[in-house]
PDB file of N, CA and C in Angstrom:
ATOM      1  N   MET A   1      31.523  39.207 309.730  1.00  0.00           N
ATOM      2  CA  MET A   1      32.871  39.411 309.380  1.00  0.00           C
ATOM      3  C   MET A   1      33.156  40.905 309.190  1.00  0.00           C
ATOM      4  N   MET A   2      34.270  41.351 309.637  1.00  0.00           N
ATOM      5  CA  MET A   2      34.691  42.688 309.588  1.00  0.00           C
ATOM      6  C   MET A   2      35.518  43.113 308.342  1.00  0.00           C
ATOM      7  N   LEU A   3      36.203  42.059 307.812  1.00  0.00           N
ATOM      8  CA  LEU A   3      36.948  42.311 306.649  1.00  0.00           C
ATOM      9  C   LEU A   3      36.331  42.692 305.425  1.00  0.00           C
ATOM     10  N   PRO A   4      35.167  42.075 305.050  1.00  0.00           N
ATOM     11  CA  PRO A   4      34.296  42.549 304.033  1.00  0.00           C
ATOM     12  C   PRO A   4      33.959  44.148 304.286  1.00  0.00           C
ATOM     13  N   ARG A   5      33.562  44.432 305.498  1.00  0.00           N
ATOM     14  CA  ARG A   5      33.157  45.841 305.772  1.00  0.00           C
ATOM     15  C   ARG A   5      34.305  46.812 305.503  1.00  0.00           C
ATOM     16  N   TYR A   6      35.517  46.311 306.046  1.00  0.00           N
ATOM     17  CA  TYR A   6      36.739  47.137 305.749  1.00  0.00           C
ATOM     18  C   TYR A   6      36.946  47.313 304.317  1.00  0.00           C
ATOM     19  N   MET A   7      36.973  46.224 303.653  1.00  0.00           N
ATOM     20  CA  MET A   7      37.215  46.389 302.146  1.00  0.00           C
ATOM     21  C   MET A   7      36.161  47.322 301.420  1.00  0.00           C
ATOM     22  N   SER A   8      34.844  47.174 301.787  1.00  0.00           N
ATOM     23  CA  SER A   8      33.918  48.098 301.270  1.00  0.00           C
ATOM     24  C   SER A   8      34.051  49.524 301.541  1.00  0.00           C
ATOM     25  N   CYS A   9      34.501  49.765 302.776  1.00  0.00           N
ATOM     26  CA  CYS A   9      34.874  51.213 303.108  1.00  0.00           C
ATOM     27  C   CYS A   9      36.077  51.663 302.372  1.00  0.00           C
ATOM     28  N   MET A  10      37.085  50.860 302.250  1.00  0.00           N
ATOM     29  CA  MET A  10      38.347  51.293 301.495  1.00  0.00           C
ATOM     30  C   MET A  10      38.053  51.432 300.120  1.00  0.00           C
ATOM     31  N   ASP A  11      36.986  50.904 299.393  1.00  0.00           N
ATOM     32  CA  ASP A  11      36.535  51.019 298.075  1.00  0.00           C
ATOM     33  C   ASP A  11      35.667  52.172 297.746  1.00  0.00           C
ATOM     34  N   SER A  12      35.125  52.764 298.902  1.00  0.00           N
ATOM     35  CA  SER A  12      34.037  53.791 298.949  1.00  0.00           C
ATOM     36  C   SER A  12      34.779  55.095 298.471  1.00  0.00           C
ATOM     37  N   THR A  13      33.911  56.078 298.217  1.00  0.00           N
ATOM     38  CA  THR A  13      34.233  57.430 297.810  1.00  0.00           C
ATOM     39  C   THR A  13      34.871  58.100 298.995  1.00  0.00           C
ATOM     40  N   ASP A  14      34.654  57.605 300.238  1.00  0.00           N
ATOM     41  CA  ASP A  14      35.205  58.232 301.493  1.00  0.00           C
ATOM     42  C   ASP A  14      35.953  57.007 302.332  1.00  0.00           C
ATOM     43  N   PRO A  15      37.104  56.660 301.941  1.00  0.00           N
ATOM     44  CA  PRO A  15      37.761  55.601 302.625  1.00  0.00           C
ATOM     45  C   PRO A  15      38.104  55.902 304.046  1.00  0.00           C
ATOM     46  N   THR A  16      37.919  57.277 304.483  1.00  0.00           N
ATOM     47  CA  THR A  16      38.302  57.430 305.926  1.00  0.00           C
ATOM     48  C   THR A  16      37.213  56.904 306.719  1.00  0.00           C
ATOM     49  N   THR A  17      36.036  56.400 306.227  1.00  0.00           N
ATOM     50  CA  THR A  17      35.091  55.677 307.143  1.00  0.00           C
ATOM     51  C   THR A  17      35.575  54.430 307.611  1.00  0.00           C
ATOM     52  N   THR A  18      36.721  54.002 307.024  1.00  0.00           N
ATOM     53  CA  THR A  18      37.313  52.673 307.502  1.00  0.00           C
ATOM     54  C   THR A  18      37.854  52.918 308.930  1.00  0.00           C
ATOM     55  N   LEU A  19      38.292  54.099 309.199  1.00  0.00           N
ATOM     56  CA  LEU A  19      38.920  54.391 310.480  1.00  0.00           C
ATOM     57  C   LEU A  19      37.923  53.992 311.764  1.00  0.00           C
ATOM     58  N   GLU A  20      36.553  54.090 311.473  1.00  0.00           N
ATOM     59  CA  GLU A  20      35.599  53.718 312.604  1.00  0.00           C
ATOM     60  C   GLU A  20      35.646  52.287 312.875  1.00  0.00           C
ATOM     61  N   LEU A  21      36.394  51.452 312.093  1.00  0.00           N
ATOM     62  CA  LEU A  21      36.374  50.015 312.255  1.00  0.00           C
ATOM     63  C   LEU A  21      37.471  49.570 312.941  1.00  0.00           C
ATOM     64  N   LEU A  22      38.502  50.468 313.283  1.00  0.00           N
ATOM     65  CA  LEU A  22      39.692  50.154 313.861  1.00  0.00           C
ATOM     66  C   LEU A  22      39.968  50.588 315.310  1.00  0.00           C
ATOM     67  N   GLU A  23      40.624  49.748 315.999  1.00  0.00           N
ATOM     68  CA  GLU A  23      41.052  50.104 317.389  1.00  0.00           C
ATOM     69  C   GLU A  23      41.988  51.291 317.430  1.00  0.00           C
ATOM     70  N   PRO A  24      42.055  52.057 318.437  1.00  0.00           N
ATOM     71  CA  PRO A  24      43.062  53.263 318.348  1.00  0.00           C
ATOM     72  C   PRO A  24      44.602  52.781 318.265  1.00  0.00           C
ATOM     73  N   ASP A  25      44.852  51.583 318.847  1.00  0.00           N
ATOM     74  CA  ASP A  25      46.103  51.097 318.737  1.00  0.00           C
ATOM     75  C   ASP A  25      46.290  49.971 317.554  1.00  0.00           C
ATOM     76  N   PHE A  26      45.480  50.209 316.644  1.00  0.00           N
ATOM     77  CA  PHE A  26      45.539  49.390 315.495  1.00  0.00           C
ATOM     78  C   PHE A  26      46.993  49.312 314.883  1.00  0.00           C
ATOM     79  N   ARG A  27      47.402  48.019 314.678  1.00  0.00           N
ATOM     80  CA  ARG A  27      48.700  47.861 313.917  1.00  0.00           C
ATOM     81  C   ARG A  27      48.536  47.144 312.512  1.00  0.00           C
ATOM     82  N   PHE A  28      49.270  47.539 311.551  1.00  0.00           N
ATOM     83  CA  PHE A  28      49.121  46.955 310.234  1.00  0.00           C
ATOM     84  C   PHE A  28      50.481  46.921 309.418  1.00  0.00           C
ATOM     85  N   LEU A  29      50.205  45.826 308.522  1.00  0.00           N
ATOM     86  CA  LEU A  29      51.302  45.700 307.444  1.00  0.00           C
ATOM     87  C   LEU A  29      50.687  45.422 306.172  1.00  0.00           C
ATOM     88  N   ILE A  30      50.920  46.334 305.134  1.00  0.00           N
ATOM     89  CA  ILE A  30      50.331  46.028 303.944  1.00  0.00           C
ATOM     90  C   ILE A  30      51.543  45.931 302.924  1.00  0.00           C
ATOM     91  N   ALA A  31      51.735  44.808 302.497  1.00  0.00           N
ATOM     92  CA  ALA A  31      52.894  44.400 301.557  1.00  0.00           C
ATOM     93  C   ALA A  31      52.502  44.724 300.149  1.00  0.00           C
ATOM     94  N   LEU A  32      53.042  45.717 299.445  1.00  0.00           N
ATOM     95  CA  LEU A  32      52.670  46.040 298.158  1.00  0.00           C
ATOM     96  C   LEU A  32      53.930  45.878 297.239  1.00  0.00           C
ATOM     97  N   PRO A  33      53.859  45.792 295.922  1.00  0.00           N
ATOM     98  CA  PRO A  33      54.989  45.648 295.103  1.00  0.00           C
ATOM     99  C   PRO A  33      55.888  46.741 295.274  1.00  0.00           C
ATOM    100  N   ALA A  34      55.417  47.946 295.445  1.00  0.00           N
ATOM    101  CA  ALA A  34      56.304  49.147 295.670  1.00  0.00           C
ATOM    102  C   ALA A  34      56.926  49.263 296.965  1.00  0.00           C
ATOM    103  N   GLY A  35      56.486  48.348 297.942  1.00  0.00           N
ATOM    104  CA  GLY A  35      57.025  48.484 299.397  1.00  0.00           C
ATOM    105  C   GLY A  35      56.050  48.331 300.357  1.00  0.00           C
ATOM    106  N   ASP A  36      56.470  48.035 301.623  1.00  0.00           N
ATOM    107  CA  ASP A  36      55.441  47.832 302.710  1.00  0.00           C
ATOM    108  C   ASP A  36      55.036  49.130 303.241  1.00  0.00           C
ATOM    109  N   ALA A  37      53.683  49.179 303.681  1.00  0.00           N
ATOM    110  CA  ALA A  37      53.202  50.196 304.409  1.00  0.00           C
ATOM    111  C   ALA A  37      52.867  49.644 305.828  1.00  0.00           C
ATOM    112  N   THR A  38      53.419  50.286 306.861  1.00  0.00           N
ATOM    113  CA  THR A  38      53.176  49.707 308.139  1.00  0.00           C
ATOM    114  C   THR A  38      52.805  50.815 309.084  1.00  0.00           C
ATOM    115  N   GLY A  39      52.200  50.616 310.312  1.00  0.00           N
ATOM    116  CA  GLY A  39      51.882  51.507 311.365  1.00  0.00           C
ATOM    117  C   GLY A  39      51.414  50.830 312.606  1.00  0.00           C
ATOM    118  N   ALA A  40      51.367  51.723 313.625  1.00  0.00           N
ATOM    119  CA  ALA A  40      51.029  51.210 314.985  1.00  0.00           C
ATOM    120  C   ALA A  40      49.919  52.018 315.613  1.00  0.00           C
ATOM    121  N   SER A  41      49.019  52.553 314.792  1.00  0.00           N
ATOM    122  CA  SER A  41      47.967  53.265 315.298  1.00  0.00           C
ATOM    123  C   SER A  41      46.848  53.587 314.206  1.00  0.00           C
ATOM    124  N   ARG A  42      45.842  53.981 314.666  1.00  0.00           N
ATOM    125  CA  ARG A  42      44.675  54.401 313.883  1.00  0.00           C
ATOM    126  C   ARG A  42      45.161  55.582 313.054  1.00  0.00           C
ATOM    127  N   ASP A  43      45.877  56.519 313.686  1.00  0.00           N
ATOM    128  CA  ASP A  43      46.234  57.773 313.058  1.00  0.00           C
ATOM    129  C   ASP A  43      47.310  57.413 311.911  1.00  0.00           C
ATOM    130  N   ASP A  44      48.112  56.349 312.256  1.00  0.00           N
ATOM    131  CA  ASP A  44      49.157  56.015 311.130  1.00  0.00           C
ATOM    132  C   ASP A  44      48.355  55.460 309.939  1.00  0.00           C
ATOM    133  N   PHE A  45      47.261  54.767 310.157  1.00  0.00           N
ATOM    134  CA  PHE A  45      46.431  54.325 309.010  1.00  0.00           C
ATOM    135  C   PHE A  45      45.711  55.376 308.230  1.00  0.00           C
ATOM    136  N   ALA A  46      45.376  56.440 308.982  1.00  0.00           N
ATOM    137  CA  ALA A  46      44.754  57.536 308.324  1.00  0.00           C
ATOM    138  C   ALA A  46      45.827  58.244 307.415  1.00  0.00           C
ATOM    139  N   LYS A  47      47.009  58.308 307.858  1.00  0.00           N
ATOM    140  CA  LYS A  47      47.982  58.908 307.041  1.00  0.00           C
ATOM    141  C   LYS A  47      48.227  57.827 305.733  1.00  0.00           C
ATOM    142  N   TYR A  48      48.149  56.650 305.925  1.00  0.00           N
ATOM    143  CA  TYR A  48      48.290  55.702 304.820  1.00  0.00           C
ATOM    144  C   TYR A  48      47.196  55.891 303.855  1.00  0.00           C
ATOM    145  N   ILE A  49      45.884  56.024 304.322  1.00  0.00           N
ATOM    146  CA  ILE A  49      44.691  56.383 303.441  1.00  0.00           C
ATOM    147  C   ILE A  49      44.990  57.702 302.677  1.00  0.00           C
ATOM    148  N   ALA A  50      45.453  58.625 303.267  1.00  0.00           N
ATOM    149  CA  ALA A  50      45.478  59.943 302.648  1.00  0.00           C
ATOM    150  C   ALA A  50      46.563  60.011 301.439  1.00  0.00           C
ATOM    151  N   GLY A  51      47.434  58.950 301.698  1.00  0.00           N
ATOM    152  CA  GLY A  51      48.618  58.883 300.554  1.00  0.00           C
ATOM    153  C   GLY A  51      48.268  57.992 299.417  1.00  0.00           C
ATOM    154  N   ARG A  52      47.122  57.390 299.464  1.00  0.00           N
ATOM    155  CA  ARG A  52      46.689  56.386 298.308  1.00  0.00           C
ATOM    156  C   ARG A  52      46.206  57.220 297.164  1.00  0.00           C
ATOM    157  N   ASN A  53      46.587  56.765 295.944  1.00  0.00           N
ATOM    158  CA  ASN A  53      46.111  57.403 294.765  1.00  0.00           C
ATOM    159  C   ASN A  53      44.538  57.221 294.602  1.00  0.00           C
ATOM    160  N   ALA A  54      43.875  58.204 294.134  1.00  0.00           N
ATOM    161  CA  ALA A  54      42.534  58.035 294.016  1.00  0.00           C
ATOM    162  C   ALA A  54      42.136  57.431 292.582  1.00  0.00           C
ATOM    163  N   VAL A  55      41.745  56.181 292.592  1.00  0.00           N
ATOM    164  CA  VAL A  55      41.242  55.555 291.375  1.00  0.00           C
ATOM    165  C   VAL A  55      40.031  54.670 291.814  1.00  0.00           C
ATOM    166  N   ALA A  56      39.366  54.318 290.716  1.00  0.00           N
ATOM    167  CA  ALA A  56      38.038  53.437 291.002  1.00  0.00           C
ATOM    168  C   ALA A  56      38.540  52.092 291.289  1.00  0.00           C
ATOM    169  N   ARG A  57      38.928  51.735 292.494  1.00  0.00           N
ATOM    170  CA  ARG A  57      39.374  50.496 293.007  1.00  0.00           C
ATOM    171  C   ARG A  57      38.331  49.787 293.638  1.00  0.00           C
ATOM    172  N   GLU A  58      38.433  48.497 293.450  1.00  0.00           N
ATOM    173  CA  GLU A  58      37.439  47.470 294.104  1.00  0.00           C
ATOM    174  C   GLU A  58      38.054  46.246 294.414  1.00  0.00           C
ATOM    175  N   HIS A  59      37.743  45.729 295.704  1.00  0.00           N
ATOM    176  CA  HIS A  59      38.312  44.471 296.217  1.00  0.00           C
ATOM    177  C   HIS A  59      37.044  43.433 296.006  1.00  0.00           C
ATOM    178  N   HIS A  60      37.454  42.390 295.254  1.00  0.00           N
ATOM    179  CA  HIS A  60      36.528  41.337 295.075  1.00  0.00           C
ATOM    180  C   HIS A  60      36.834  40.112 295.877  1.00  0.00           C
ATOM    181  N   LEU A  61      36.118  39.829 296.863  1.00  0.00           N
ATOM    182  CA  LEU A  61      36.453  38.712 297.792  1.00  0.00           C
ATOM    183  C   LEU A  61      36.049  37.361 297.098  1.00  0.00           C
ATOM    184  N   LEU A  62      36.965  36.481 297.121  1.00  0.00           N
ATOM    185  CA  LEU A  62      36.744  35.191 296.333  1.00  0.00           C
ATOM    186  C   LEU A  62      36.590  34.023 297.461  1.00  0.00           C
ATOM    187  N   ARG A  63      37.290  34.106 298.750  1.00  0.00           N
ATOM    188  CA  ARG A  63      37.361  33.213 299.747  1.00  0.00           C
ATOM    189  C   ARG A  63      37.543  34.025 300.928  1.00  0.00           C
ATOM    190  N   SER A  64      36.878  33.365 302.022  1.00  0.00           N
ATOM    191  CA  SER A  64      36.914  33.949 303.375  1.00  0.00           C
ATOM    192  C   SER A  64      36.715  32.942 304.429  1.00  0.00           C
ATOM    193  N   SER A  65      37.328  33.187 305.645  1.00  0.00           N
ATOM    194  CA  SER A  65      37.301  32.272 306.753  1.00  0.00           C
ATOM    195  C   SER A  65      37.377  32.960 308.021  1.00  0.00           C
ATOM    196  N   VAL A  66      36.829  32.369 309.028  1.00  0.00           N
ATOM    197  CA  VAL A  66      36.931  32.850 310.482  1.00  0.00           C
ATOM    198  C   VAL A  66      37.398  31.751 311.358  1.00  0.00           C
ATOM    199  N   ASP A  67      38.311  31.975 312.123  1.00  0.00           N
ATOM    200  CA  ASP A  67      38.780  31.065 313.200  1.00  0.00           C
ATOM    201  C   ASP A  67      38.971  31.848 314.449  1.00  0.00           C
ATOM    202  N   GLY A  68      37.956  31.761 315.360  1.00  0.00           N
ATOM    203  CA  GLY A  68      37.991  32.574 316.624  1.00  0.00           C
ATOM    204  C   GLY A  68      37.982  34.013 316.330  1.00  0.00           C
ATOM    205  N   ASP A  69      38.959  34.668 316.821  1.00  0.00           N
ATOM    206  CA  ASP A  69      39.131  36.161 316.608  1.00  0.00           C
ATOM    207  C   ASP A  69      39.927  36.589 315.356  1.00  0.00           C
ATOM    208  N   THR A  70      40.261  35.637 314.531  1.00  0.00           N
ATOM    209  CA  THR A  70      40.992  35.859 313.228  1.00  0.00           C
ATOM    210  C   THR A  70      40.149  35.668 312.033  1.00  0.00           C
ATOM    211  N   GLU A  71      40.199  36.487 311.096  1.00  0.00           N
ATOM    212  CA  GLU A  71      39.627  36.515 309.873  1.00  0.00           C
ATOM    213  C   GLU A  71      40.530  36.467 308.690  1.00  0.00           C
ATOM    214  N   THR A  72      40.268  35.788 307.525  1.00  0.00           N
ATOM    215  CA  THR A  72      41.232  35.954 306.423  1.00  0.00           C
ATOM    216  C   THR A  72      40.222  35.899 305.287  1.00  0.00           C
ATOM    217  N   VAL A  73      40.791  36.665 304.269  1.00  0.00           N
ATOM    218  CA  VAL A  73      40.134  36.871 302.943  1.00  0.00           C
ATOM    219  C   VAL A  73      41.240  36.684 301.791  1.00  0.00           C
ATOM    220  N   TYR A  74      40.682  36.301 300.699  1.00  0.00           N
ATOM    221  CA  TYR A  74      41.481  36.231 299.446  1.00  0.00           C
ATOM    222  C   TYR A  74      40.658  36.842 298.252  1.00  0.00           C
ATOM    223  N   GLY A  75      41.292  37.539 297.481  1.00  0.00           N
ATOM    224  CA  GLY A  75      40.567  38.194 296.461  1.00  0.00           C
ATOM    225  C   GLY A  75      41.311  38.769 295.293  1.00  0.00           C
ATOM    226  N   VAL A  76      40.725  39.488 294.433  1.00  0.00           N
ATOM    227  CA  VAL A  76      41.313  40.230 293.339  1.00  0.00           C
ATOM    228  C   VAL A  76      40.936  41.671 293.458  1.00  0.00           C
ATOM    229  N   VAL A  77      41.923  42.550 293.127  1.00  0.00           N
ATOM    230  CA  VAL A  77      41.570  44.001 293.004  1.00  0.00           C
ATOM    231  C   VAL A  77      41.499  44.383 291.626  1.00  0.00           C
ATOM    232  N   THR A  78      40.466  45.307 291.438  1.00  0.00           N
ATOM    233  CA  THR A  78      40.331  45.810 289.969  1.00  0.00           C
ATOM    234  C   THR A  78      40.410  47.394 290.191  1.00  0.00           C
ATOM    235  N   GLU A  79      40.933  48.002 289.079  1.00  0.00           N
ATOM    236  CA  GLU A  79      40.862  49.495 288.977  1.00  0.00           C
ATOM    237  C   GLU A  79      40.269  49.849 287.810  1.00  0.00           C
ATOM    238  N   GLN A  80      39.281  50.653 287.779  1.00  0.00           N
ATOM    239  CA  GLN A  80      38.425  50.925 286.534  1.00  0.00           C
ATOM    240  C   GLN A  80      37.902  49.734 285.927  1.00  0.00           C
ATOM    241  N   GLY A  81      37.691  48.781 286.667  1.00  0.00           N
ATOM    242  CA  GLY A  81      37.033  47.475 286.321  1.00  0.00           C
ATOM    243  C   GLY A  81      38.060  46.483 285.679  1.00  0.00           C
ATOM    244  N   ARG A  82      39.315  46.747 285.732  1.00  0.00           N
ATOM    245  CA  ARG A  82      40.312  45.933 285.130  1.00  0.00           C
ATOM    246  C   ARG A  82      41.066  45.315 286.196  1.00  0.00           C
ATOM    247  N   PRO A  83      41.247  43.844 286.186  1.00  0.00           N
ATOM    248  CA  PRO A  83      42.082  43.167 287.322  1.00  0.00           C
ATOM    249  C   PRO A  83      43.544  43.693 287.236  1.00  0.00           C
ATOM    250  N   VAL A  84      43.981  44.124 288.444  1.00  0.00           N
ATOM    251  CA  VAL A  84      45.379  44.481 288.508  1.00  0.00           C
ATOM    252  C   VAL A  84      46.290  43.741 289.428  1.00  0.00           C
ATOM    253  N   GLY A  85      45.622  42.817 290.259  1.00  0.00           N
ATOM    254  CA  GLY A  85      46.416  42.009 291.236  1.00  0.00           C
ATOM    255  C   GLY A  85      45.535  41.208 292.106  1.00  0.00           C
ATOM    256  N   ALA A  86      46.215  40.408 292.975  1.00  0.00           N
ATOM    257  CA  ALA A  86      45.454  39.616 293.955  1.00  0.00           C
ATOM    258  C   ALA A  86      45.952  39.929 295.370  1.00  0.00           C
ATOM    259  N   PHE A  87      45.101  39.566 296.318  1.00  0.00           N
ATOM    260  CA  PHE A  87      45.631  39.801 297.878  1.00  0.00           C
ATOM    261  C   PHE A  87      45.189  38.721 298.770  1.00  0.00           C
ATOM    262  N   LEU A  88      45.842  38.534 299.812  1.00  0.00           N
ATOM    263  CA  LEU A  88      45.521  37.591 300.820  1.00  0.00           C
ATOM    264  C   LEU A  88      45.732  38.522 302.107  1.00  0.00           C
ATOM    265  N   SER A  89      44.666  38.690 302.819  1.00  0.00           N
ATOM    266  CA  SER A  89      44.586  39.433 304.030  1.00  0.00           C
ATOM    267  C   SER A  89      43.956  38.781 305.150  1.00  0.00           C
ATOM    268  N   ALA A  90      44.570  39.250 306.459  1.00  0.00           N
ATOM    269  CA  ALA A  90      44.129  38.630 307.680  1.00  0.00           C
ATOM    270  C   ALA A  90      43.949  39.745 308.658  1.00  0.00           C
ATOM    271  N   ALA A  91      43.028  39.526 309.563  1.00  0.00           N
ATOM    272  CA  ALA A  91      42.767  40.521 310.666  1.00  0.00           C
ATOM    273  C   ALA A  91      42.476  39.855 312.018  1.00  0.00           C
ATOM    274  N   VAL A  92      42.875  40.459 312.980  1.00  0.00           N
ATOM    275  CA  VAL A  92      42.594  40.015 314.416  1.00  0.00           C
ATOM    276  C   VAL A  92      41.442  41.067 314.879  1.00  0.00           C
ATOM    277  N   ILE A  93      40.302  40.549 315.300  1.00  0.00           N
ATOM    278  CA  ILE A  93      39.234  41.284 315.759  1.00  0.00           C
ATOM    279  C   ILE A  93      39.194  41.359 317.336  1.00  0.00           C
ATOM    280  N   SER A  94      39.099  42.554 317.833  1.00  0.00           N
ATOM    281  CA  SER A  94      39.184  42.813 319.225  1.00  0.00           C
ATOM    282  C   SER A  94      37.843  42.334 319.911  1.00  0.00           C
ATOM    283  N   GLU A  95      37.885  42.310 321.261  1.00  0.00           N
ATOM    284  CA  GLU A  95      36.666  41.941 322.146  1.00  0.00           C
ATOM    285  C   GLU A  95      35.633  43.194 321.733  1.00  0.00           C
ATOM    286  N   ASN A  96      35.971  44.302 321.409  1.00  0.00           N
ATOM    287  CA  ASN A  96      35.094  45.356 321.036  1.00  0.00           C
ATOM    288  C   ASN A  96      34.433  45.165 319.682  1.00  0.00           C
ATOM    289  N   GLY A  97      34.874  44.197 318.963  1.00  0.00           N
ATOM    290  CA  GLY A  97      34.343  43.997 317.571  1.00  0.00           C
ATOM    291  C   GLY A  97      35.125  44.881 316.551  1.00  0.00           C
ATOM    292  N   LEU A  98      36.163  45.408 316.963  1.00  0.00           N
ATOM    293  CA  LEU A  98      36.986  46.349 316.014  1.00  0.00           C
ATOM    294  C   LEU A  98      38.192  45.511 315.474  1.00  0.00           C
ATOM    295  N   ILE A  99      38.748  46.063 314.457  1.00  0.00           N
ATOM    296  CA  ILE A  99      40.028  45.440 313.902  1.00  0.00           C
ATOM    297  C   ILE A  99      41.145  45.957 314.782  1.00  0.00           C
ATOM    298  N   SER A 100      41.974  45.072 315.235  1.00  0.00           N
ATOM    299  CA  SER A 100      43.141  45.522 316.113  1.00  0.00           C
ATOM    300  C   SER A 100      44.412  45.239 315.415  1.00  0.00           C
ATOM    301  N   ARG A 101      44.474  44.191 314.487  1.00  0.00           N
ATOM    302  CA  ARG A 101      45.623  43.985 313.774  1.00  0.00           C
ATOM    303  C   ARG A 101      45.256  43.635 312.369  1.00  0.00           C
ATOM    304  N   TYR A 102      46.078  44.020 311.328  1.00  0.00           N
ATOM    305  CA  TYR A 102      45.799  43.709 309.853  1.00  0.00           C
ATOM    306  C   TYR A 102      47.028  43.436 309.147  1.00  0.00           C
ATOM    307  N   GLN A 103      47.097  42.560 308.243  1.00  0.00           N
ATOM    308  CA  GLN A 103      48.186  42.016 307.552  1.00  0.00           C
ATOM    309  C   GLN A 103      47.630  41.658 306.160  1.00  0.00           C
ATOM    310  N   SER A 104      48.296  42.343 305.036  1.00  0.00           N
ATOM    311  CA  SER A 104      47.841  42.117 303.845  1.00  0.00           C
ATOM    312  C   SER A 104      48.977  41.939 302.848  1.00  0.00           C
ATOM    313  N   TYR A 105      48.818  40.994 301.914  1.00  0.00           N
ATOM    314  CA  TYR A 105      49.957  40.972 300.865  1.00  0.00           C
ATOM    315  C   TYR A 105      49.273  41.014 299.498  1.00  0.00           C
ATOM    316  N   PHE A 106      49.598  42.019 298.756  1.00  0.00           N
ATOM    317  CA  PHE A 106      49.226  42.274 297.268  1.00  0.00           C
ATOM    318  C   PHE A 106      50.185  41.908 296.301  1.00  0.00           C
ATOM    319  N   THR A 107      49.842  41.229 295.133  1.00  0.00           N
ATOM    320  CA  THR A 107      50.785  40.878 294.225  1.00  0.00           C
ATOM    321  C   THR A 107      50.192  41.087 292.916  1.00  0.00           C
ATOM    322  N   THR A 108      51.039  41.524 291.844  1.00  0.00           N
ATOM    323  CA  THR A 108      50.554  41.611 290.540  1.00  0.00           C
ATOM    324  C   THR A 108      51.106  40.483 289.704  1.00  0.00           C
ATOM    325  N   ALA A 109      51.895  39.595 290.437  1.00  0.00           N
ATOM    326  CA  ALA A 109      52.516  38.465 289.749  1.00  0.00           C
ATOM    327  C   ALA A 109      51.883  37.023 289.702  1.00  0.00           C
ATOM    328  N   PHE A 110      50.923  36.895 290.745  1.00  0.00           N
ATOM    329  CA  PHE A 110      50.335  35.599 290.919  1.00  0.00           C
ATOM    330  C   PHE A 110      48.943  35.619 291.390  1.00  0.00           C
ATOM    331  N   GLN A 111      48.161  34.790 290.958  1.00  0.00           N
ATOM    332  CA  GLN A 111      46.811  34.643 291.336  1.00  0.00           C
ATOM    333  C   GLN A 111      46.502  33.174 291.702  1.00  0.00           C
ATOM    334  N   LEU A 112      46.256  33.098 293.095  1.00  0.00           N
ATOM    335  CA  LEU A 112      46.089  31.801 293.750  1.00  0.00           C
ATOM    336  C   LEU A 112      44.676  31.069 293.184  1.00  0.00           C
ATOM    337  N   VAL A 113      43.646  31.843 293.183  1.00  0.00           N
ATOM    338  CA  VAL A 113      42.402  31.319 292.782  1.00  0.00           C
ATOM    339  C   VAL A 113      42.002  32.046 291.509  1.00  0.00           C
ATOM    340  N   ASP A 114      41.671  31.398 290.442  1.00  0.00           N
ATOM    341  CA  ASP A 114      41.255  31.934 289.188  1.00  0.00           C
ATOM    342  C   ASP A 114      39.928  32.764 289.417  1.00  0.00           C
ATOM    343  N   TRP A 115      39.962  33.958 288.655  1.00  0.00           N
ATOM    344  CA  TRP A 115      38.805  34.873 288.838  1.00  0.00           C
ATOM    345  C   TRP A 115      38.264  35.128 287.457  1.00  0.00           C
ATOM    346  N   ALA A 116      36.993  35.202 287.449  1.00  0.00           N
ATOM    347  CA  ALA A 116      36.306  35.613 286.143  1.00  0.00           C
ATOM    348  C   ALA A 116      35.398  36.798 286.589  1.00  0.00           C
ATOM    349  N   PRO A 117      35.408  37.844 285.867  1.00  0.00           N
ATOM    350  CA  PRO A 117      34.526  38.984 286.236  1.00  0.00           C
ATOM    351  C   PRO A 117      33.134  38.683 286.150  1.00  0.00           C
ATOM    352  N   ARG A 118      32.320  39.274 287.101  1.00  0.00           N
ATOM    353  CA  ARG A 118      30.892  39.056 287.141  1.00  0.00           C
ATOM    354  C   ARG A 118      30.202  40.005 286.390  1.00  0.00           C
TER     355      ARG A 118
END
């Protein structure tokens, strides 16, 4: 699966390594409480990464699935080890094995699957 690798790169000290996992014409929607982040290229996603606040953020995957070229994951985000919200994300994987489309919904108001820190 590519989404666990994507999340790991996004959580790393150098989230720009995520760009290596994306097709040049990568399209995305990241729905956040403060508003949507969207784009139609790997360059647009690089701008999104550059604008993120630098915190000790980690995505904890609780569920995942694959159906053909589509992957989905559900999990909880922590910042400095404290849970701050939950996400449901999906991606389409290209024939090249890269992420071509990505859609993610993050909420601080609801948790679909209970989570206990490990």
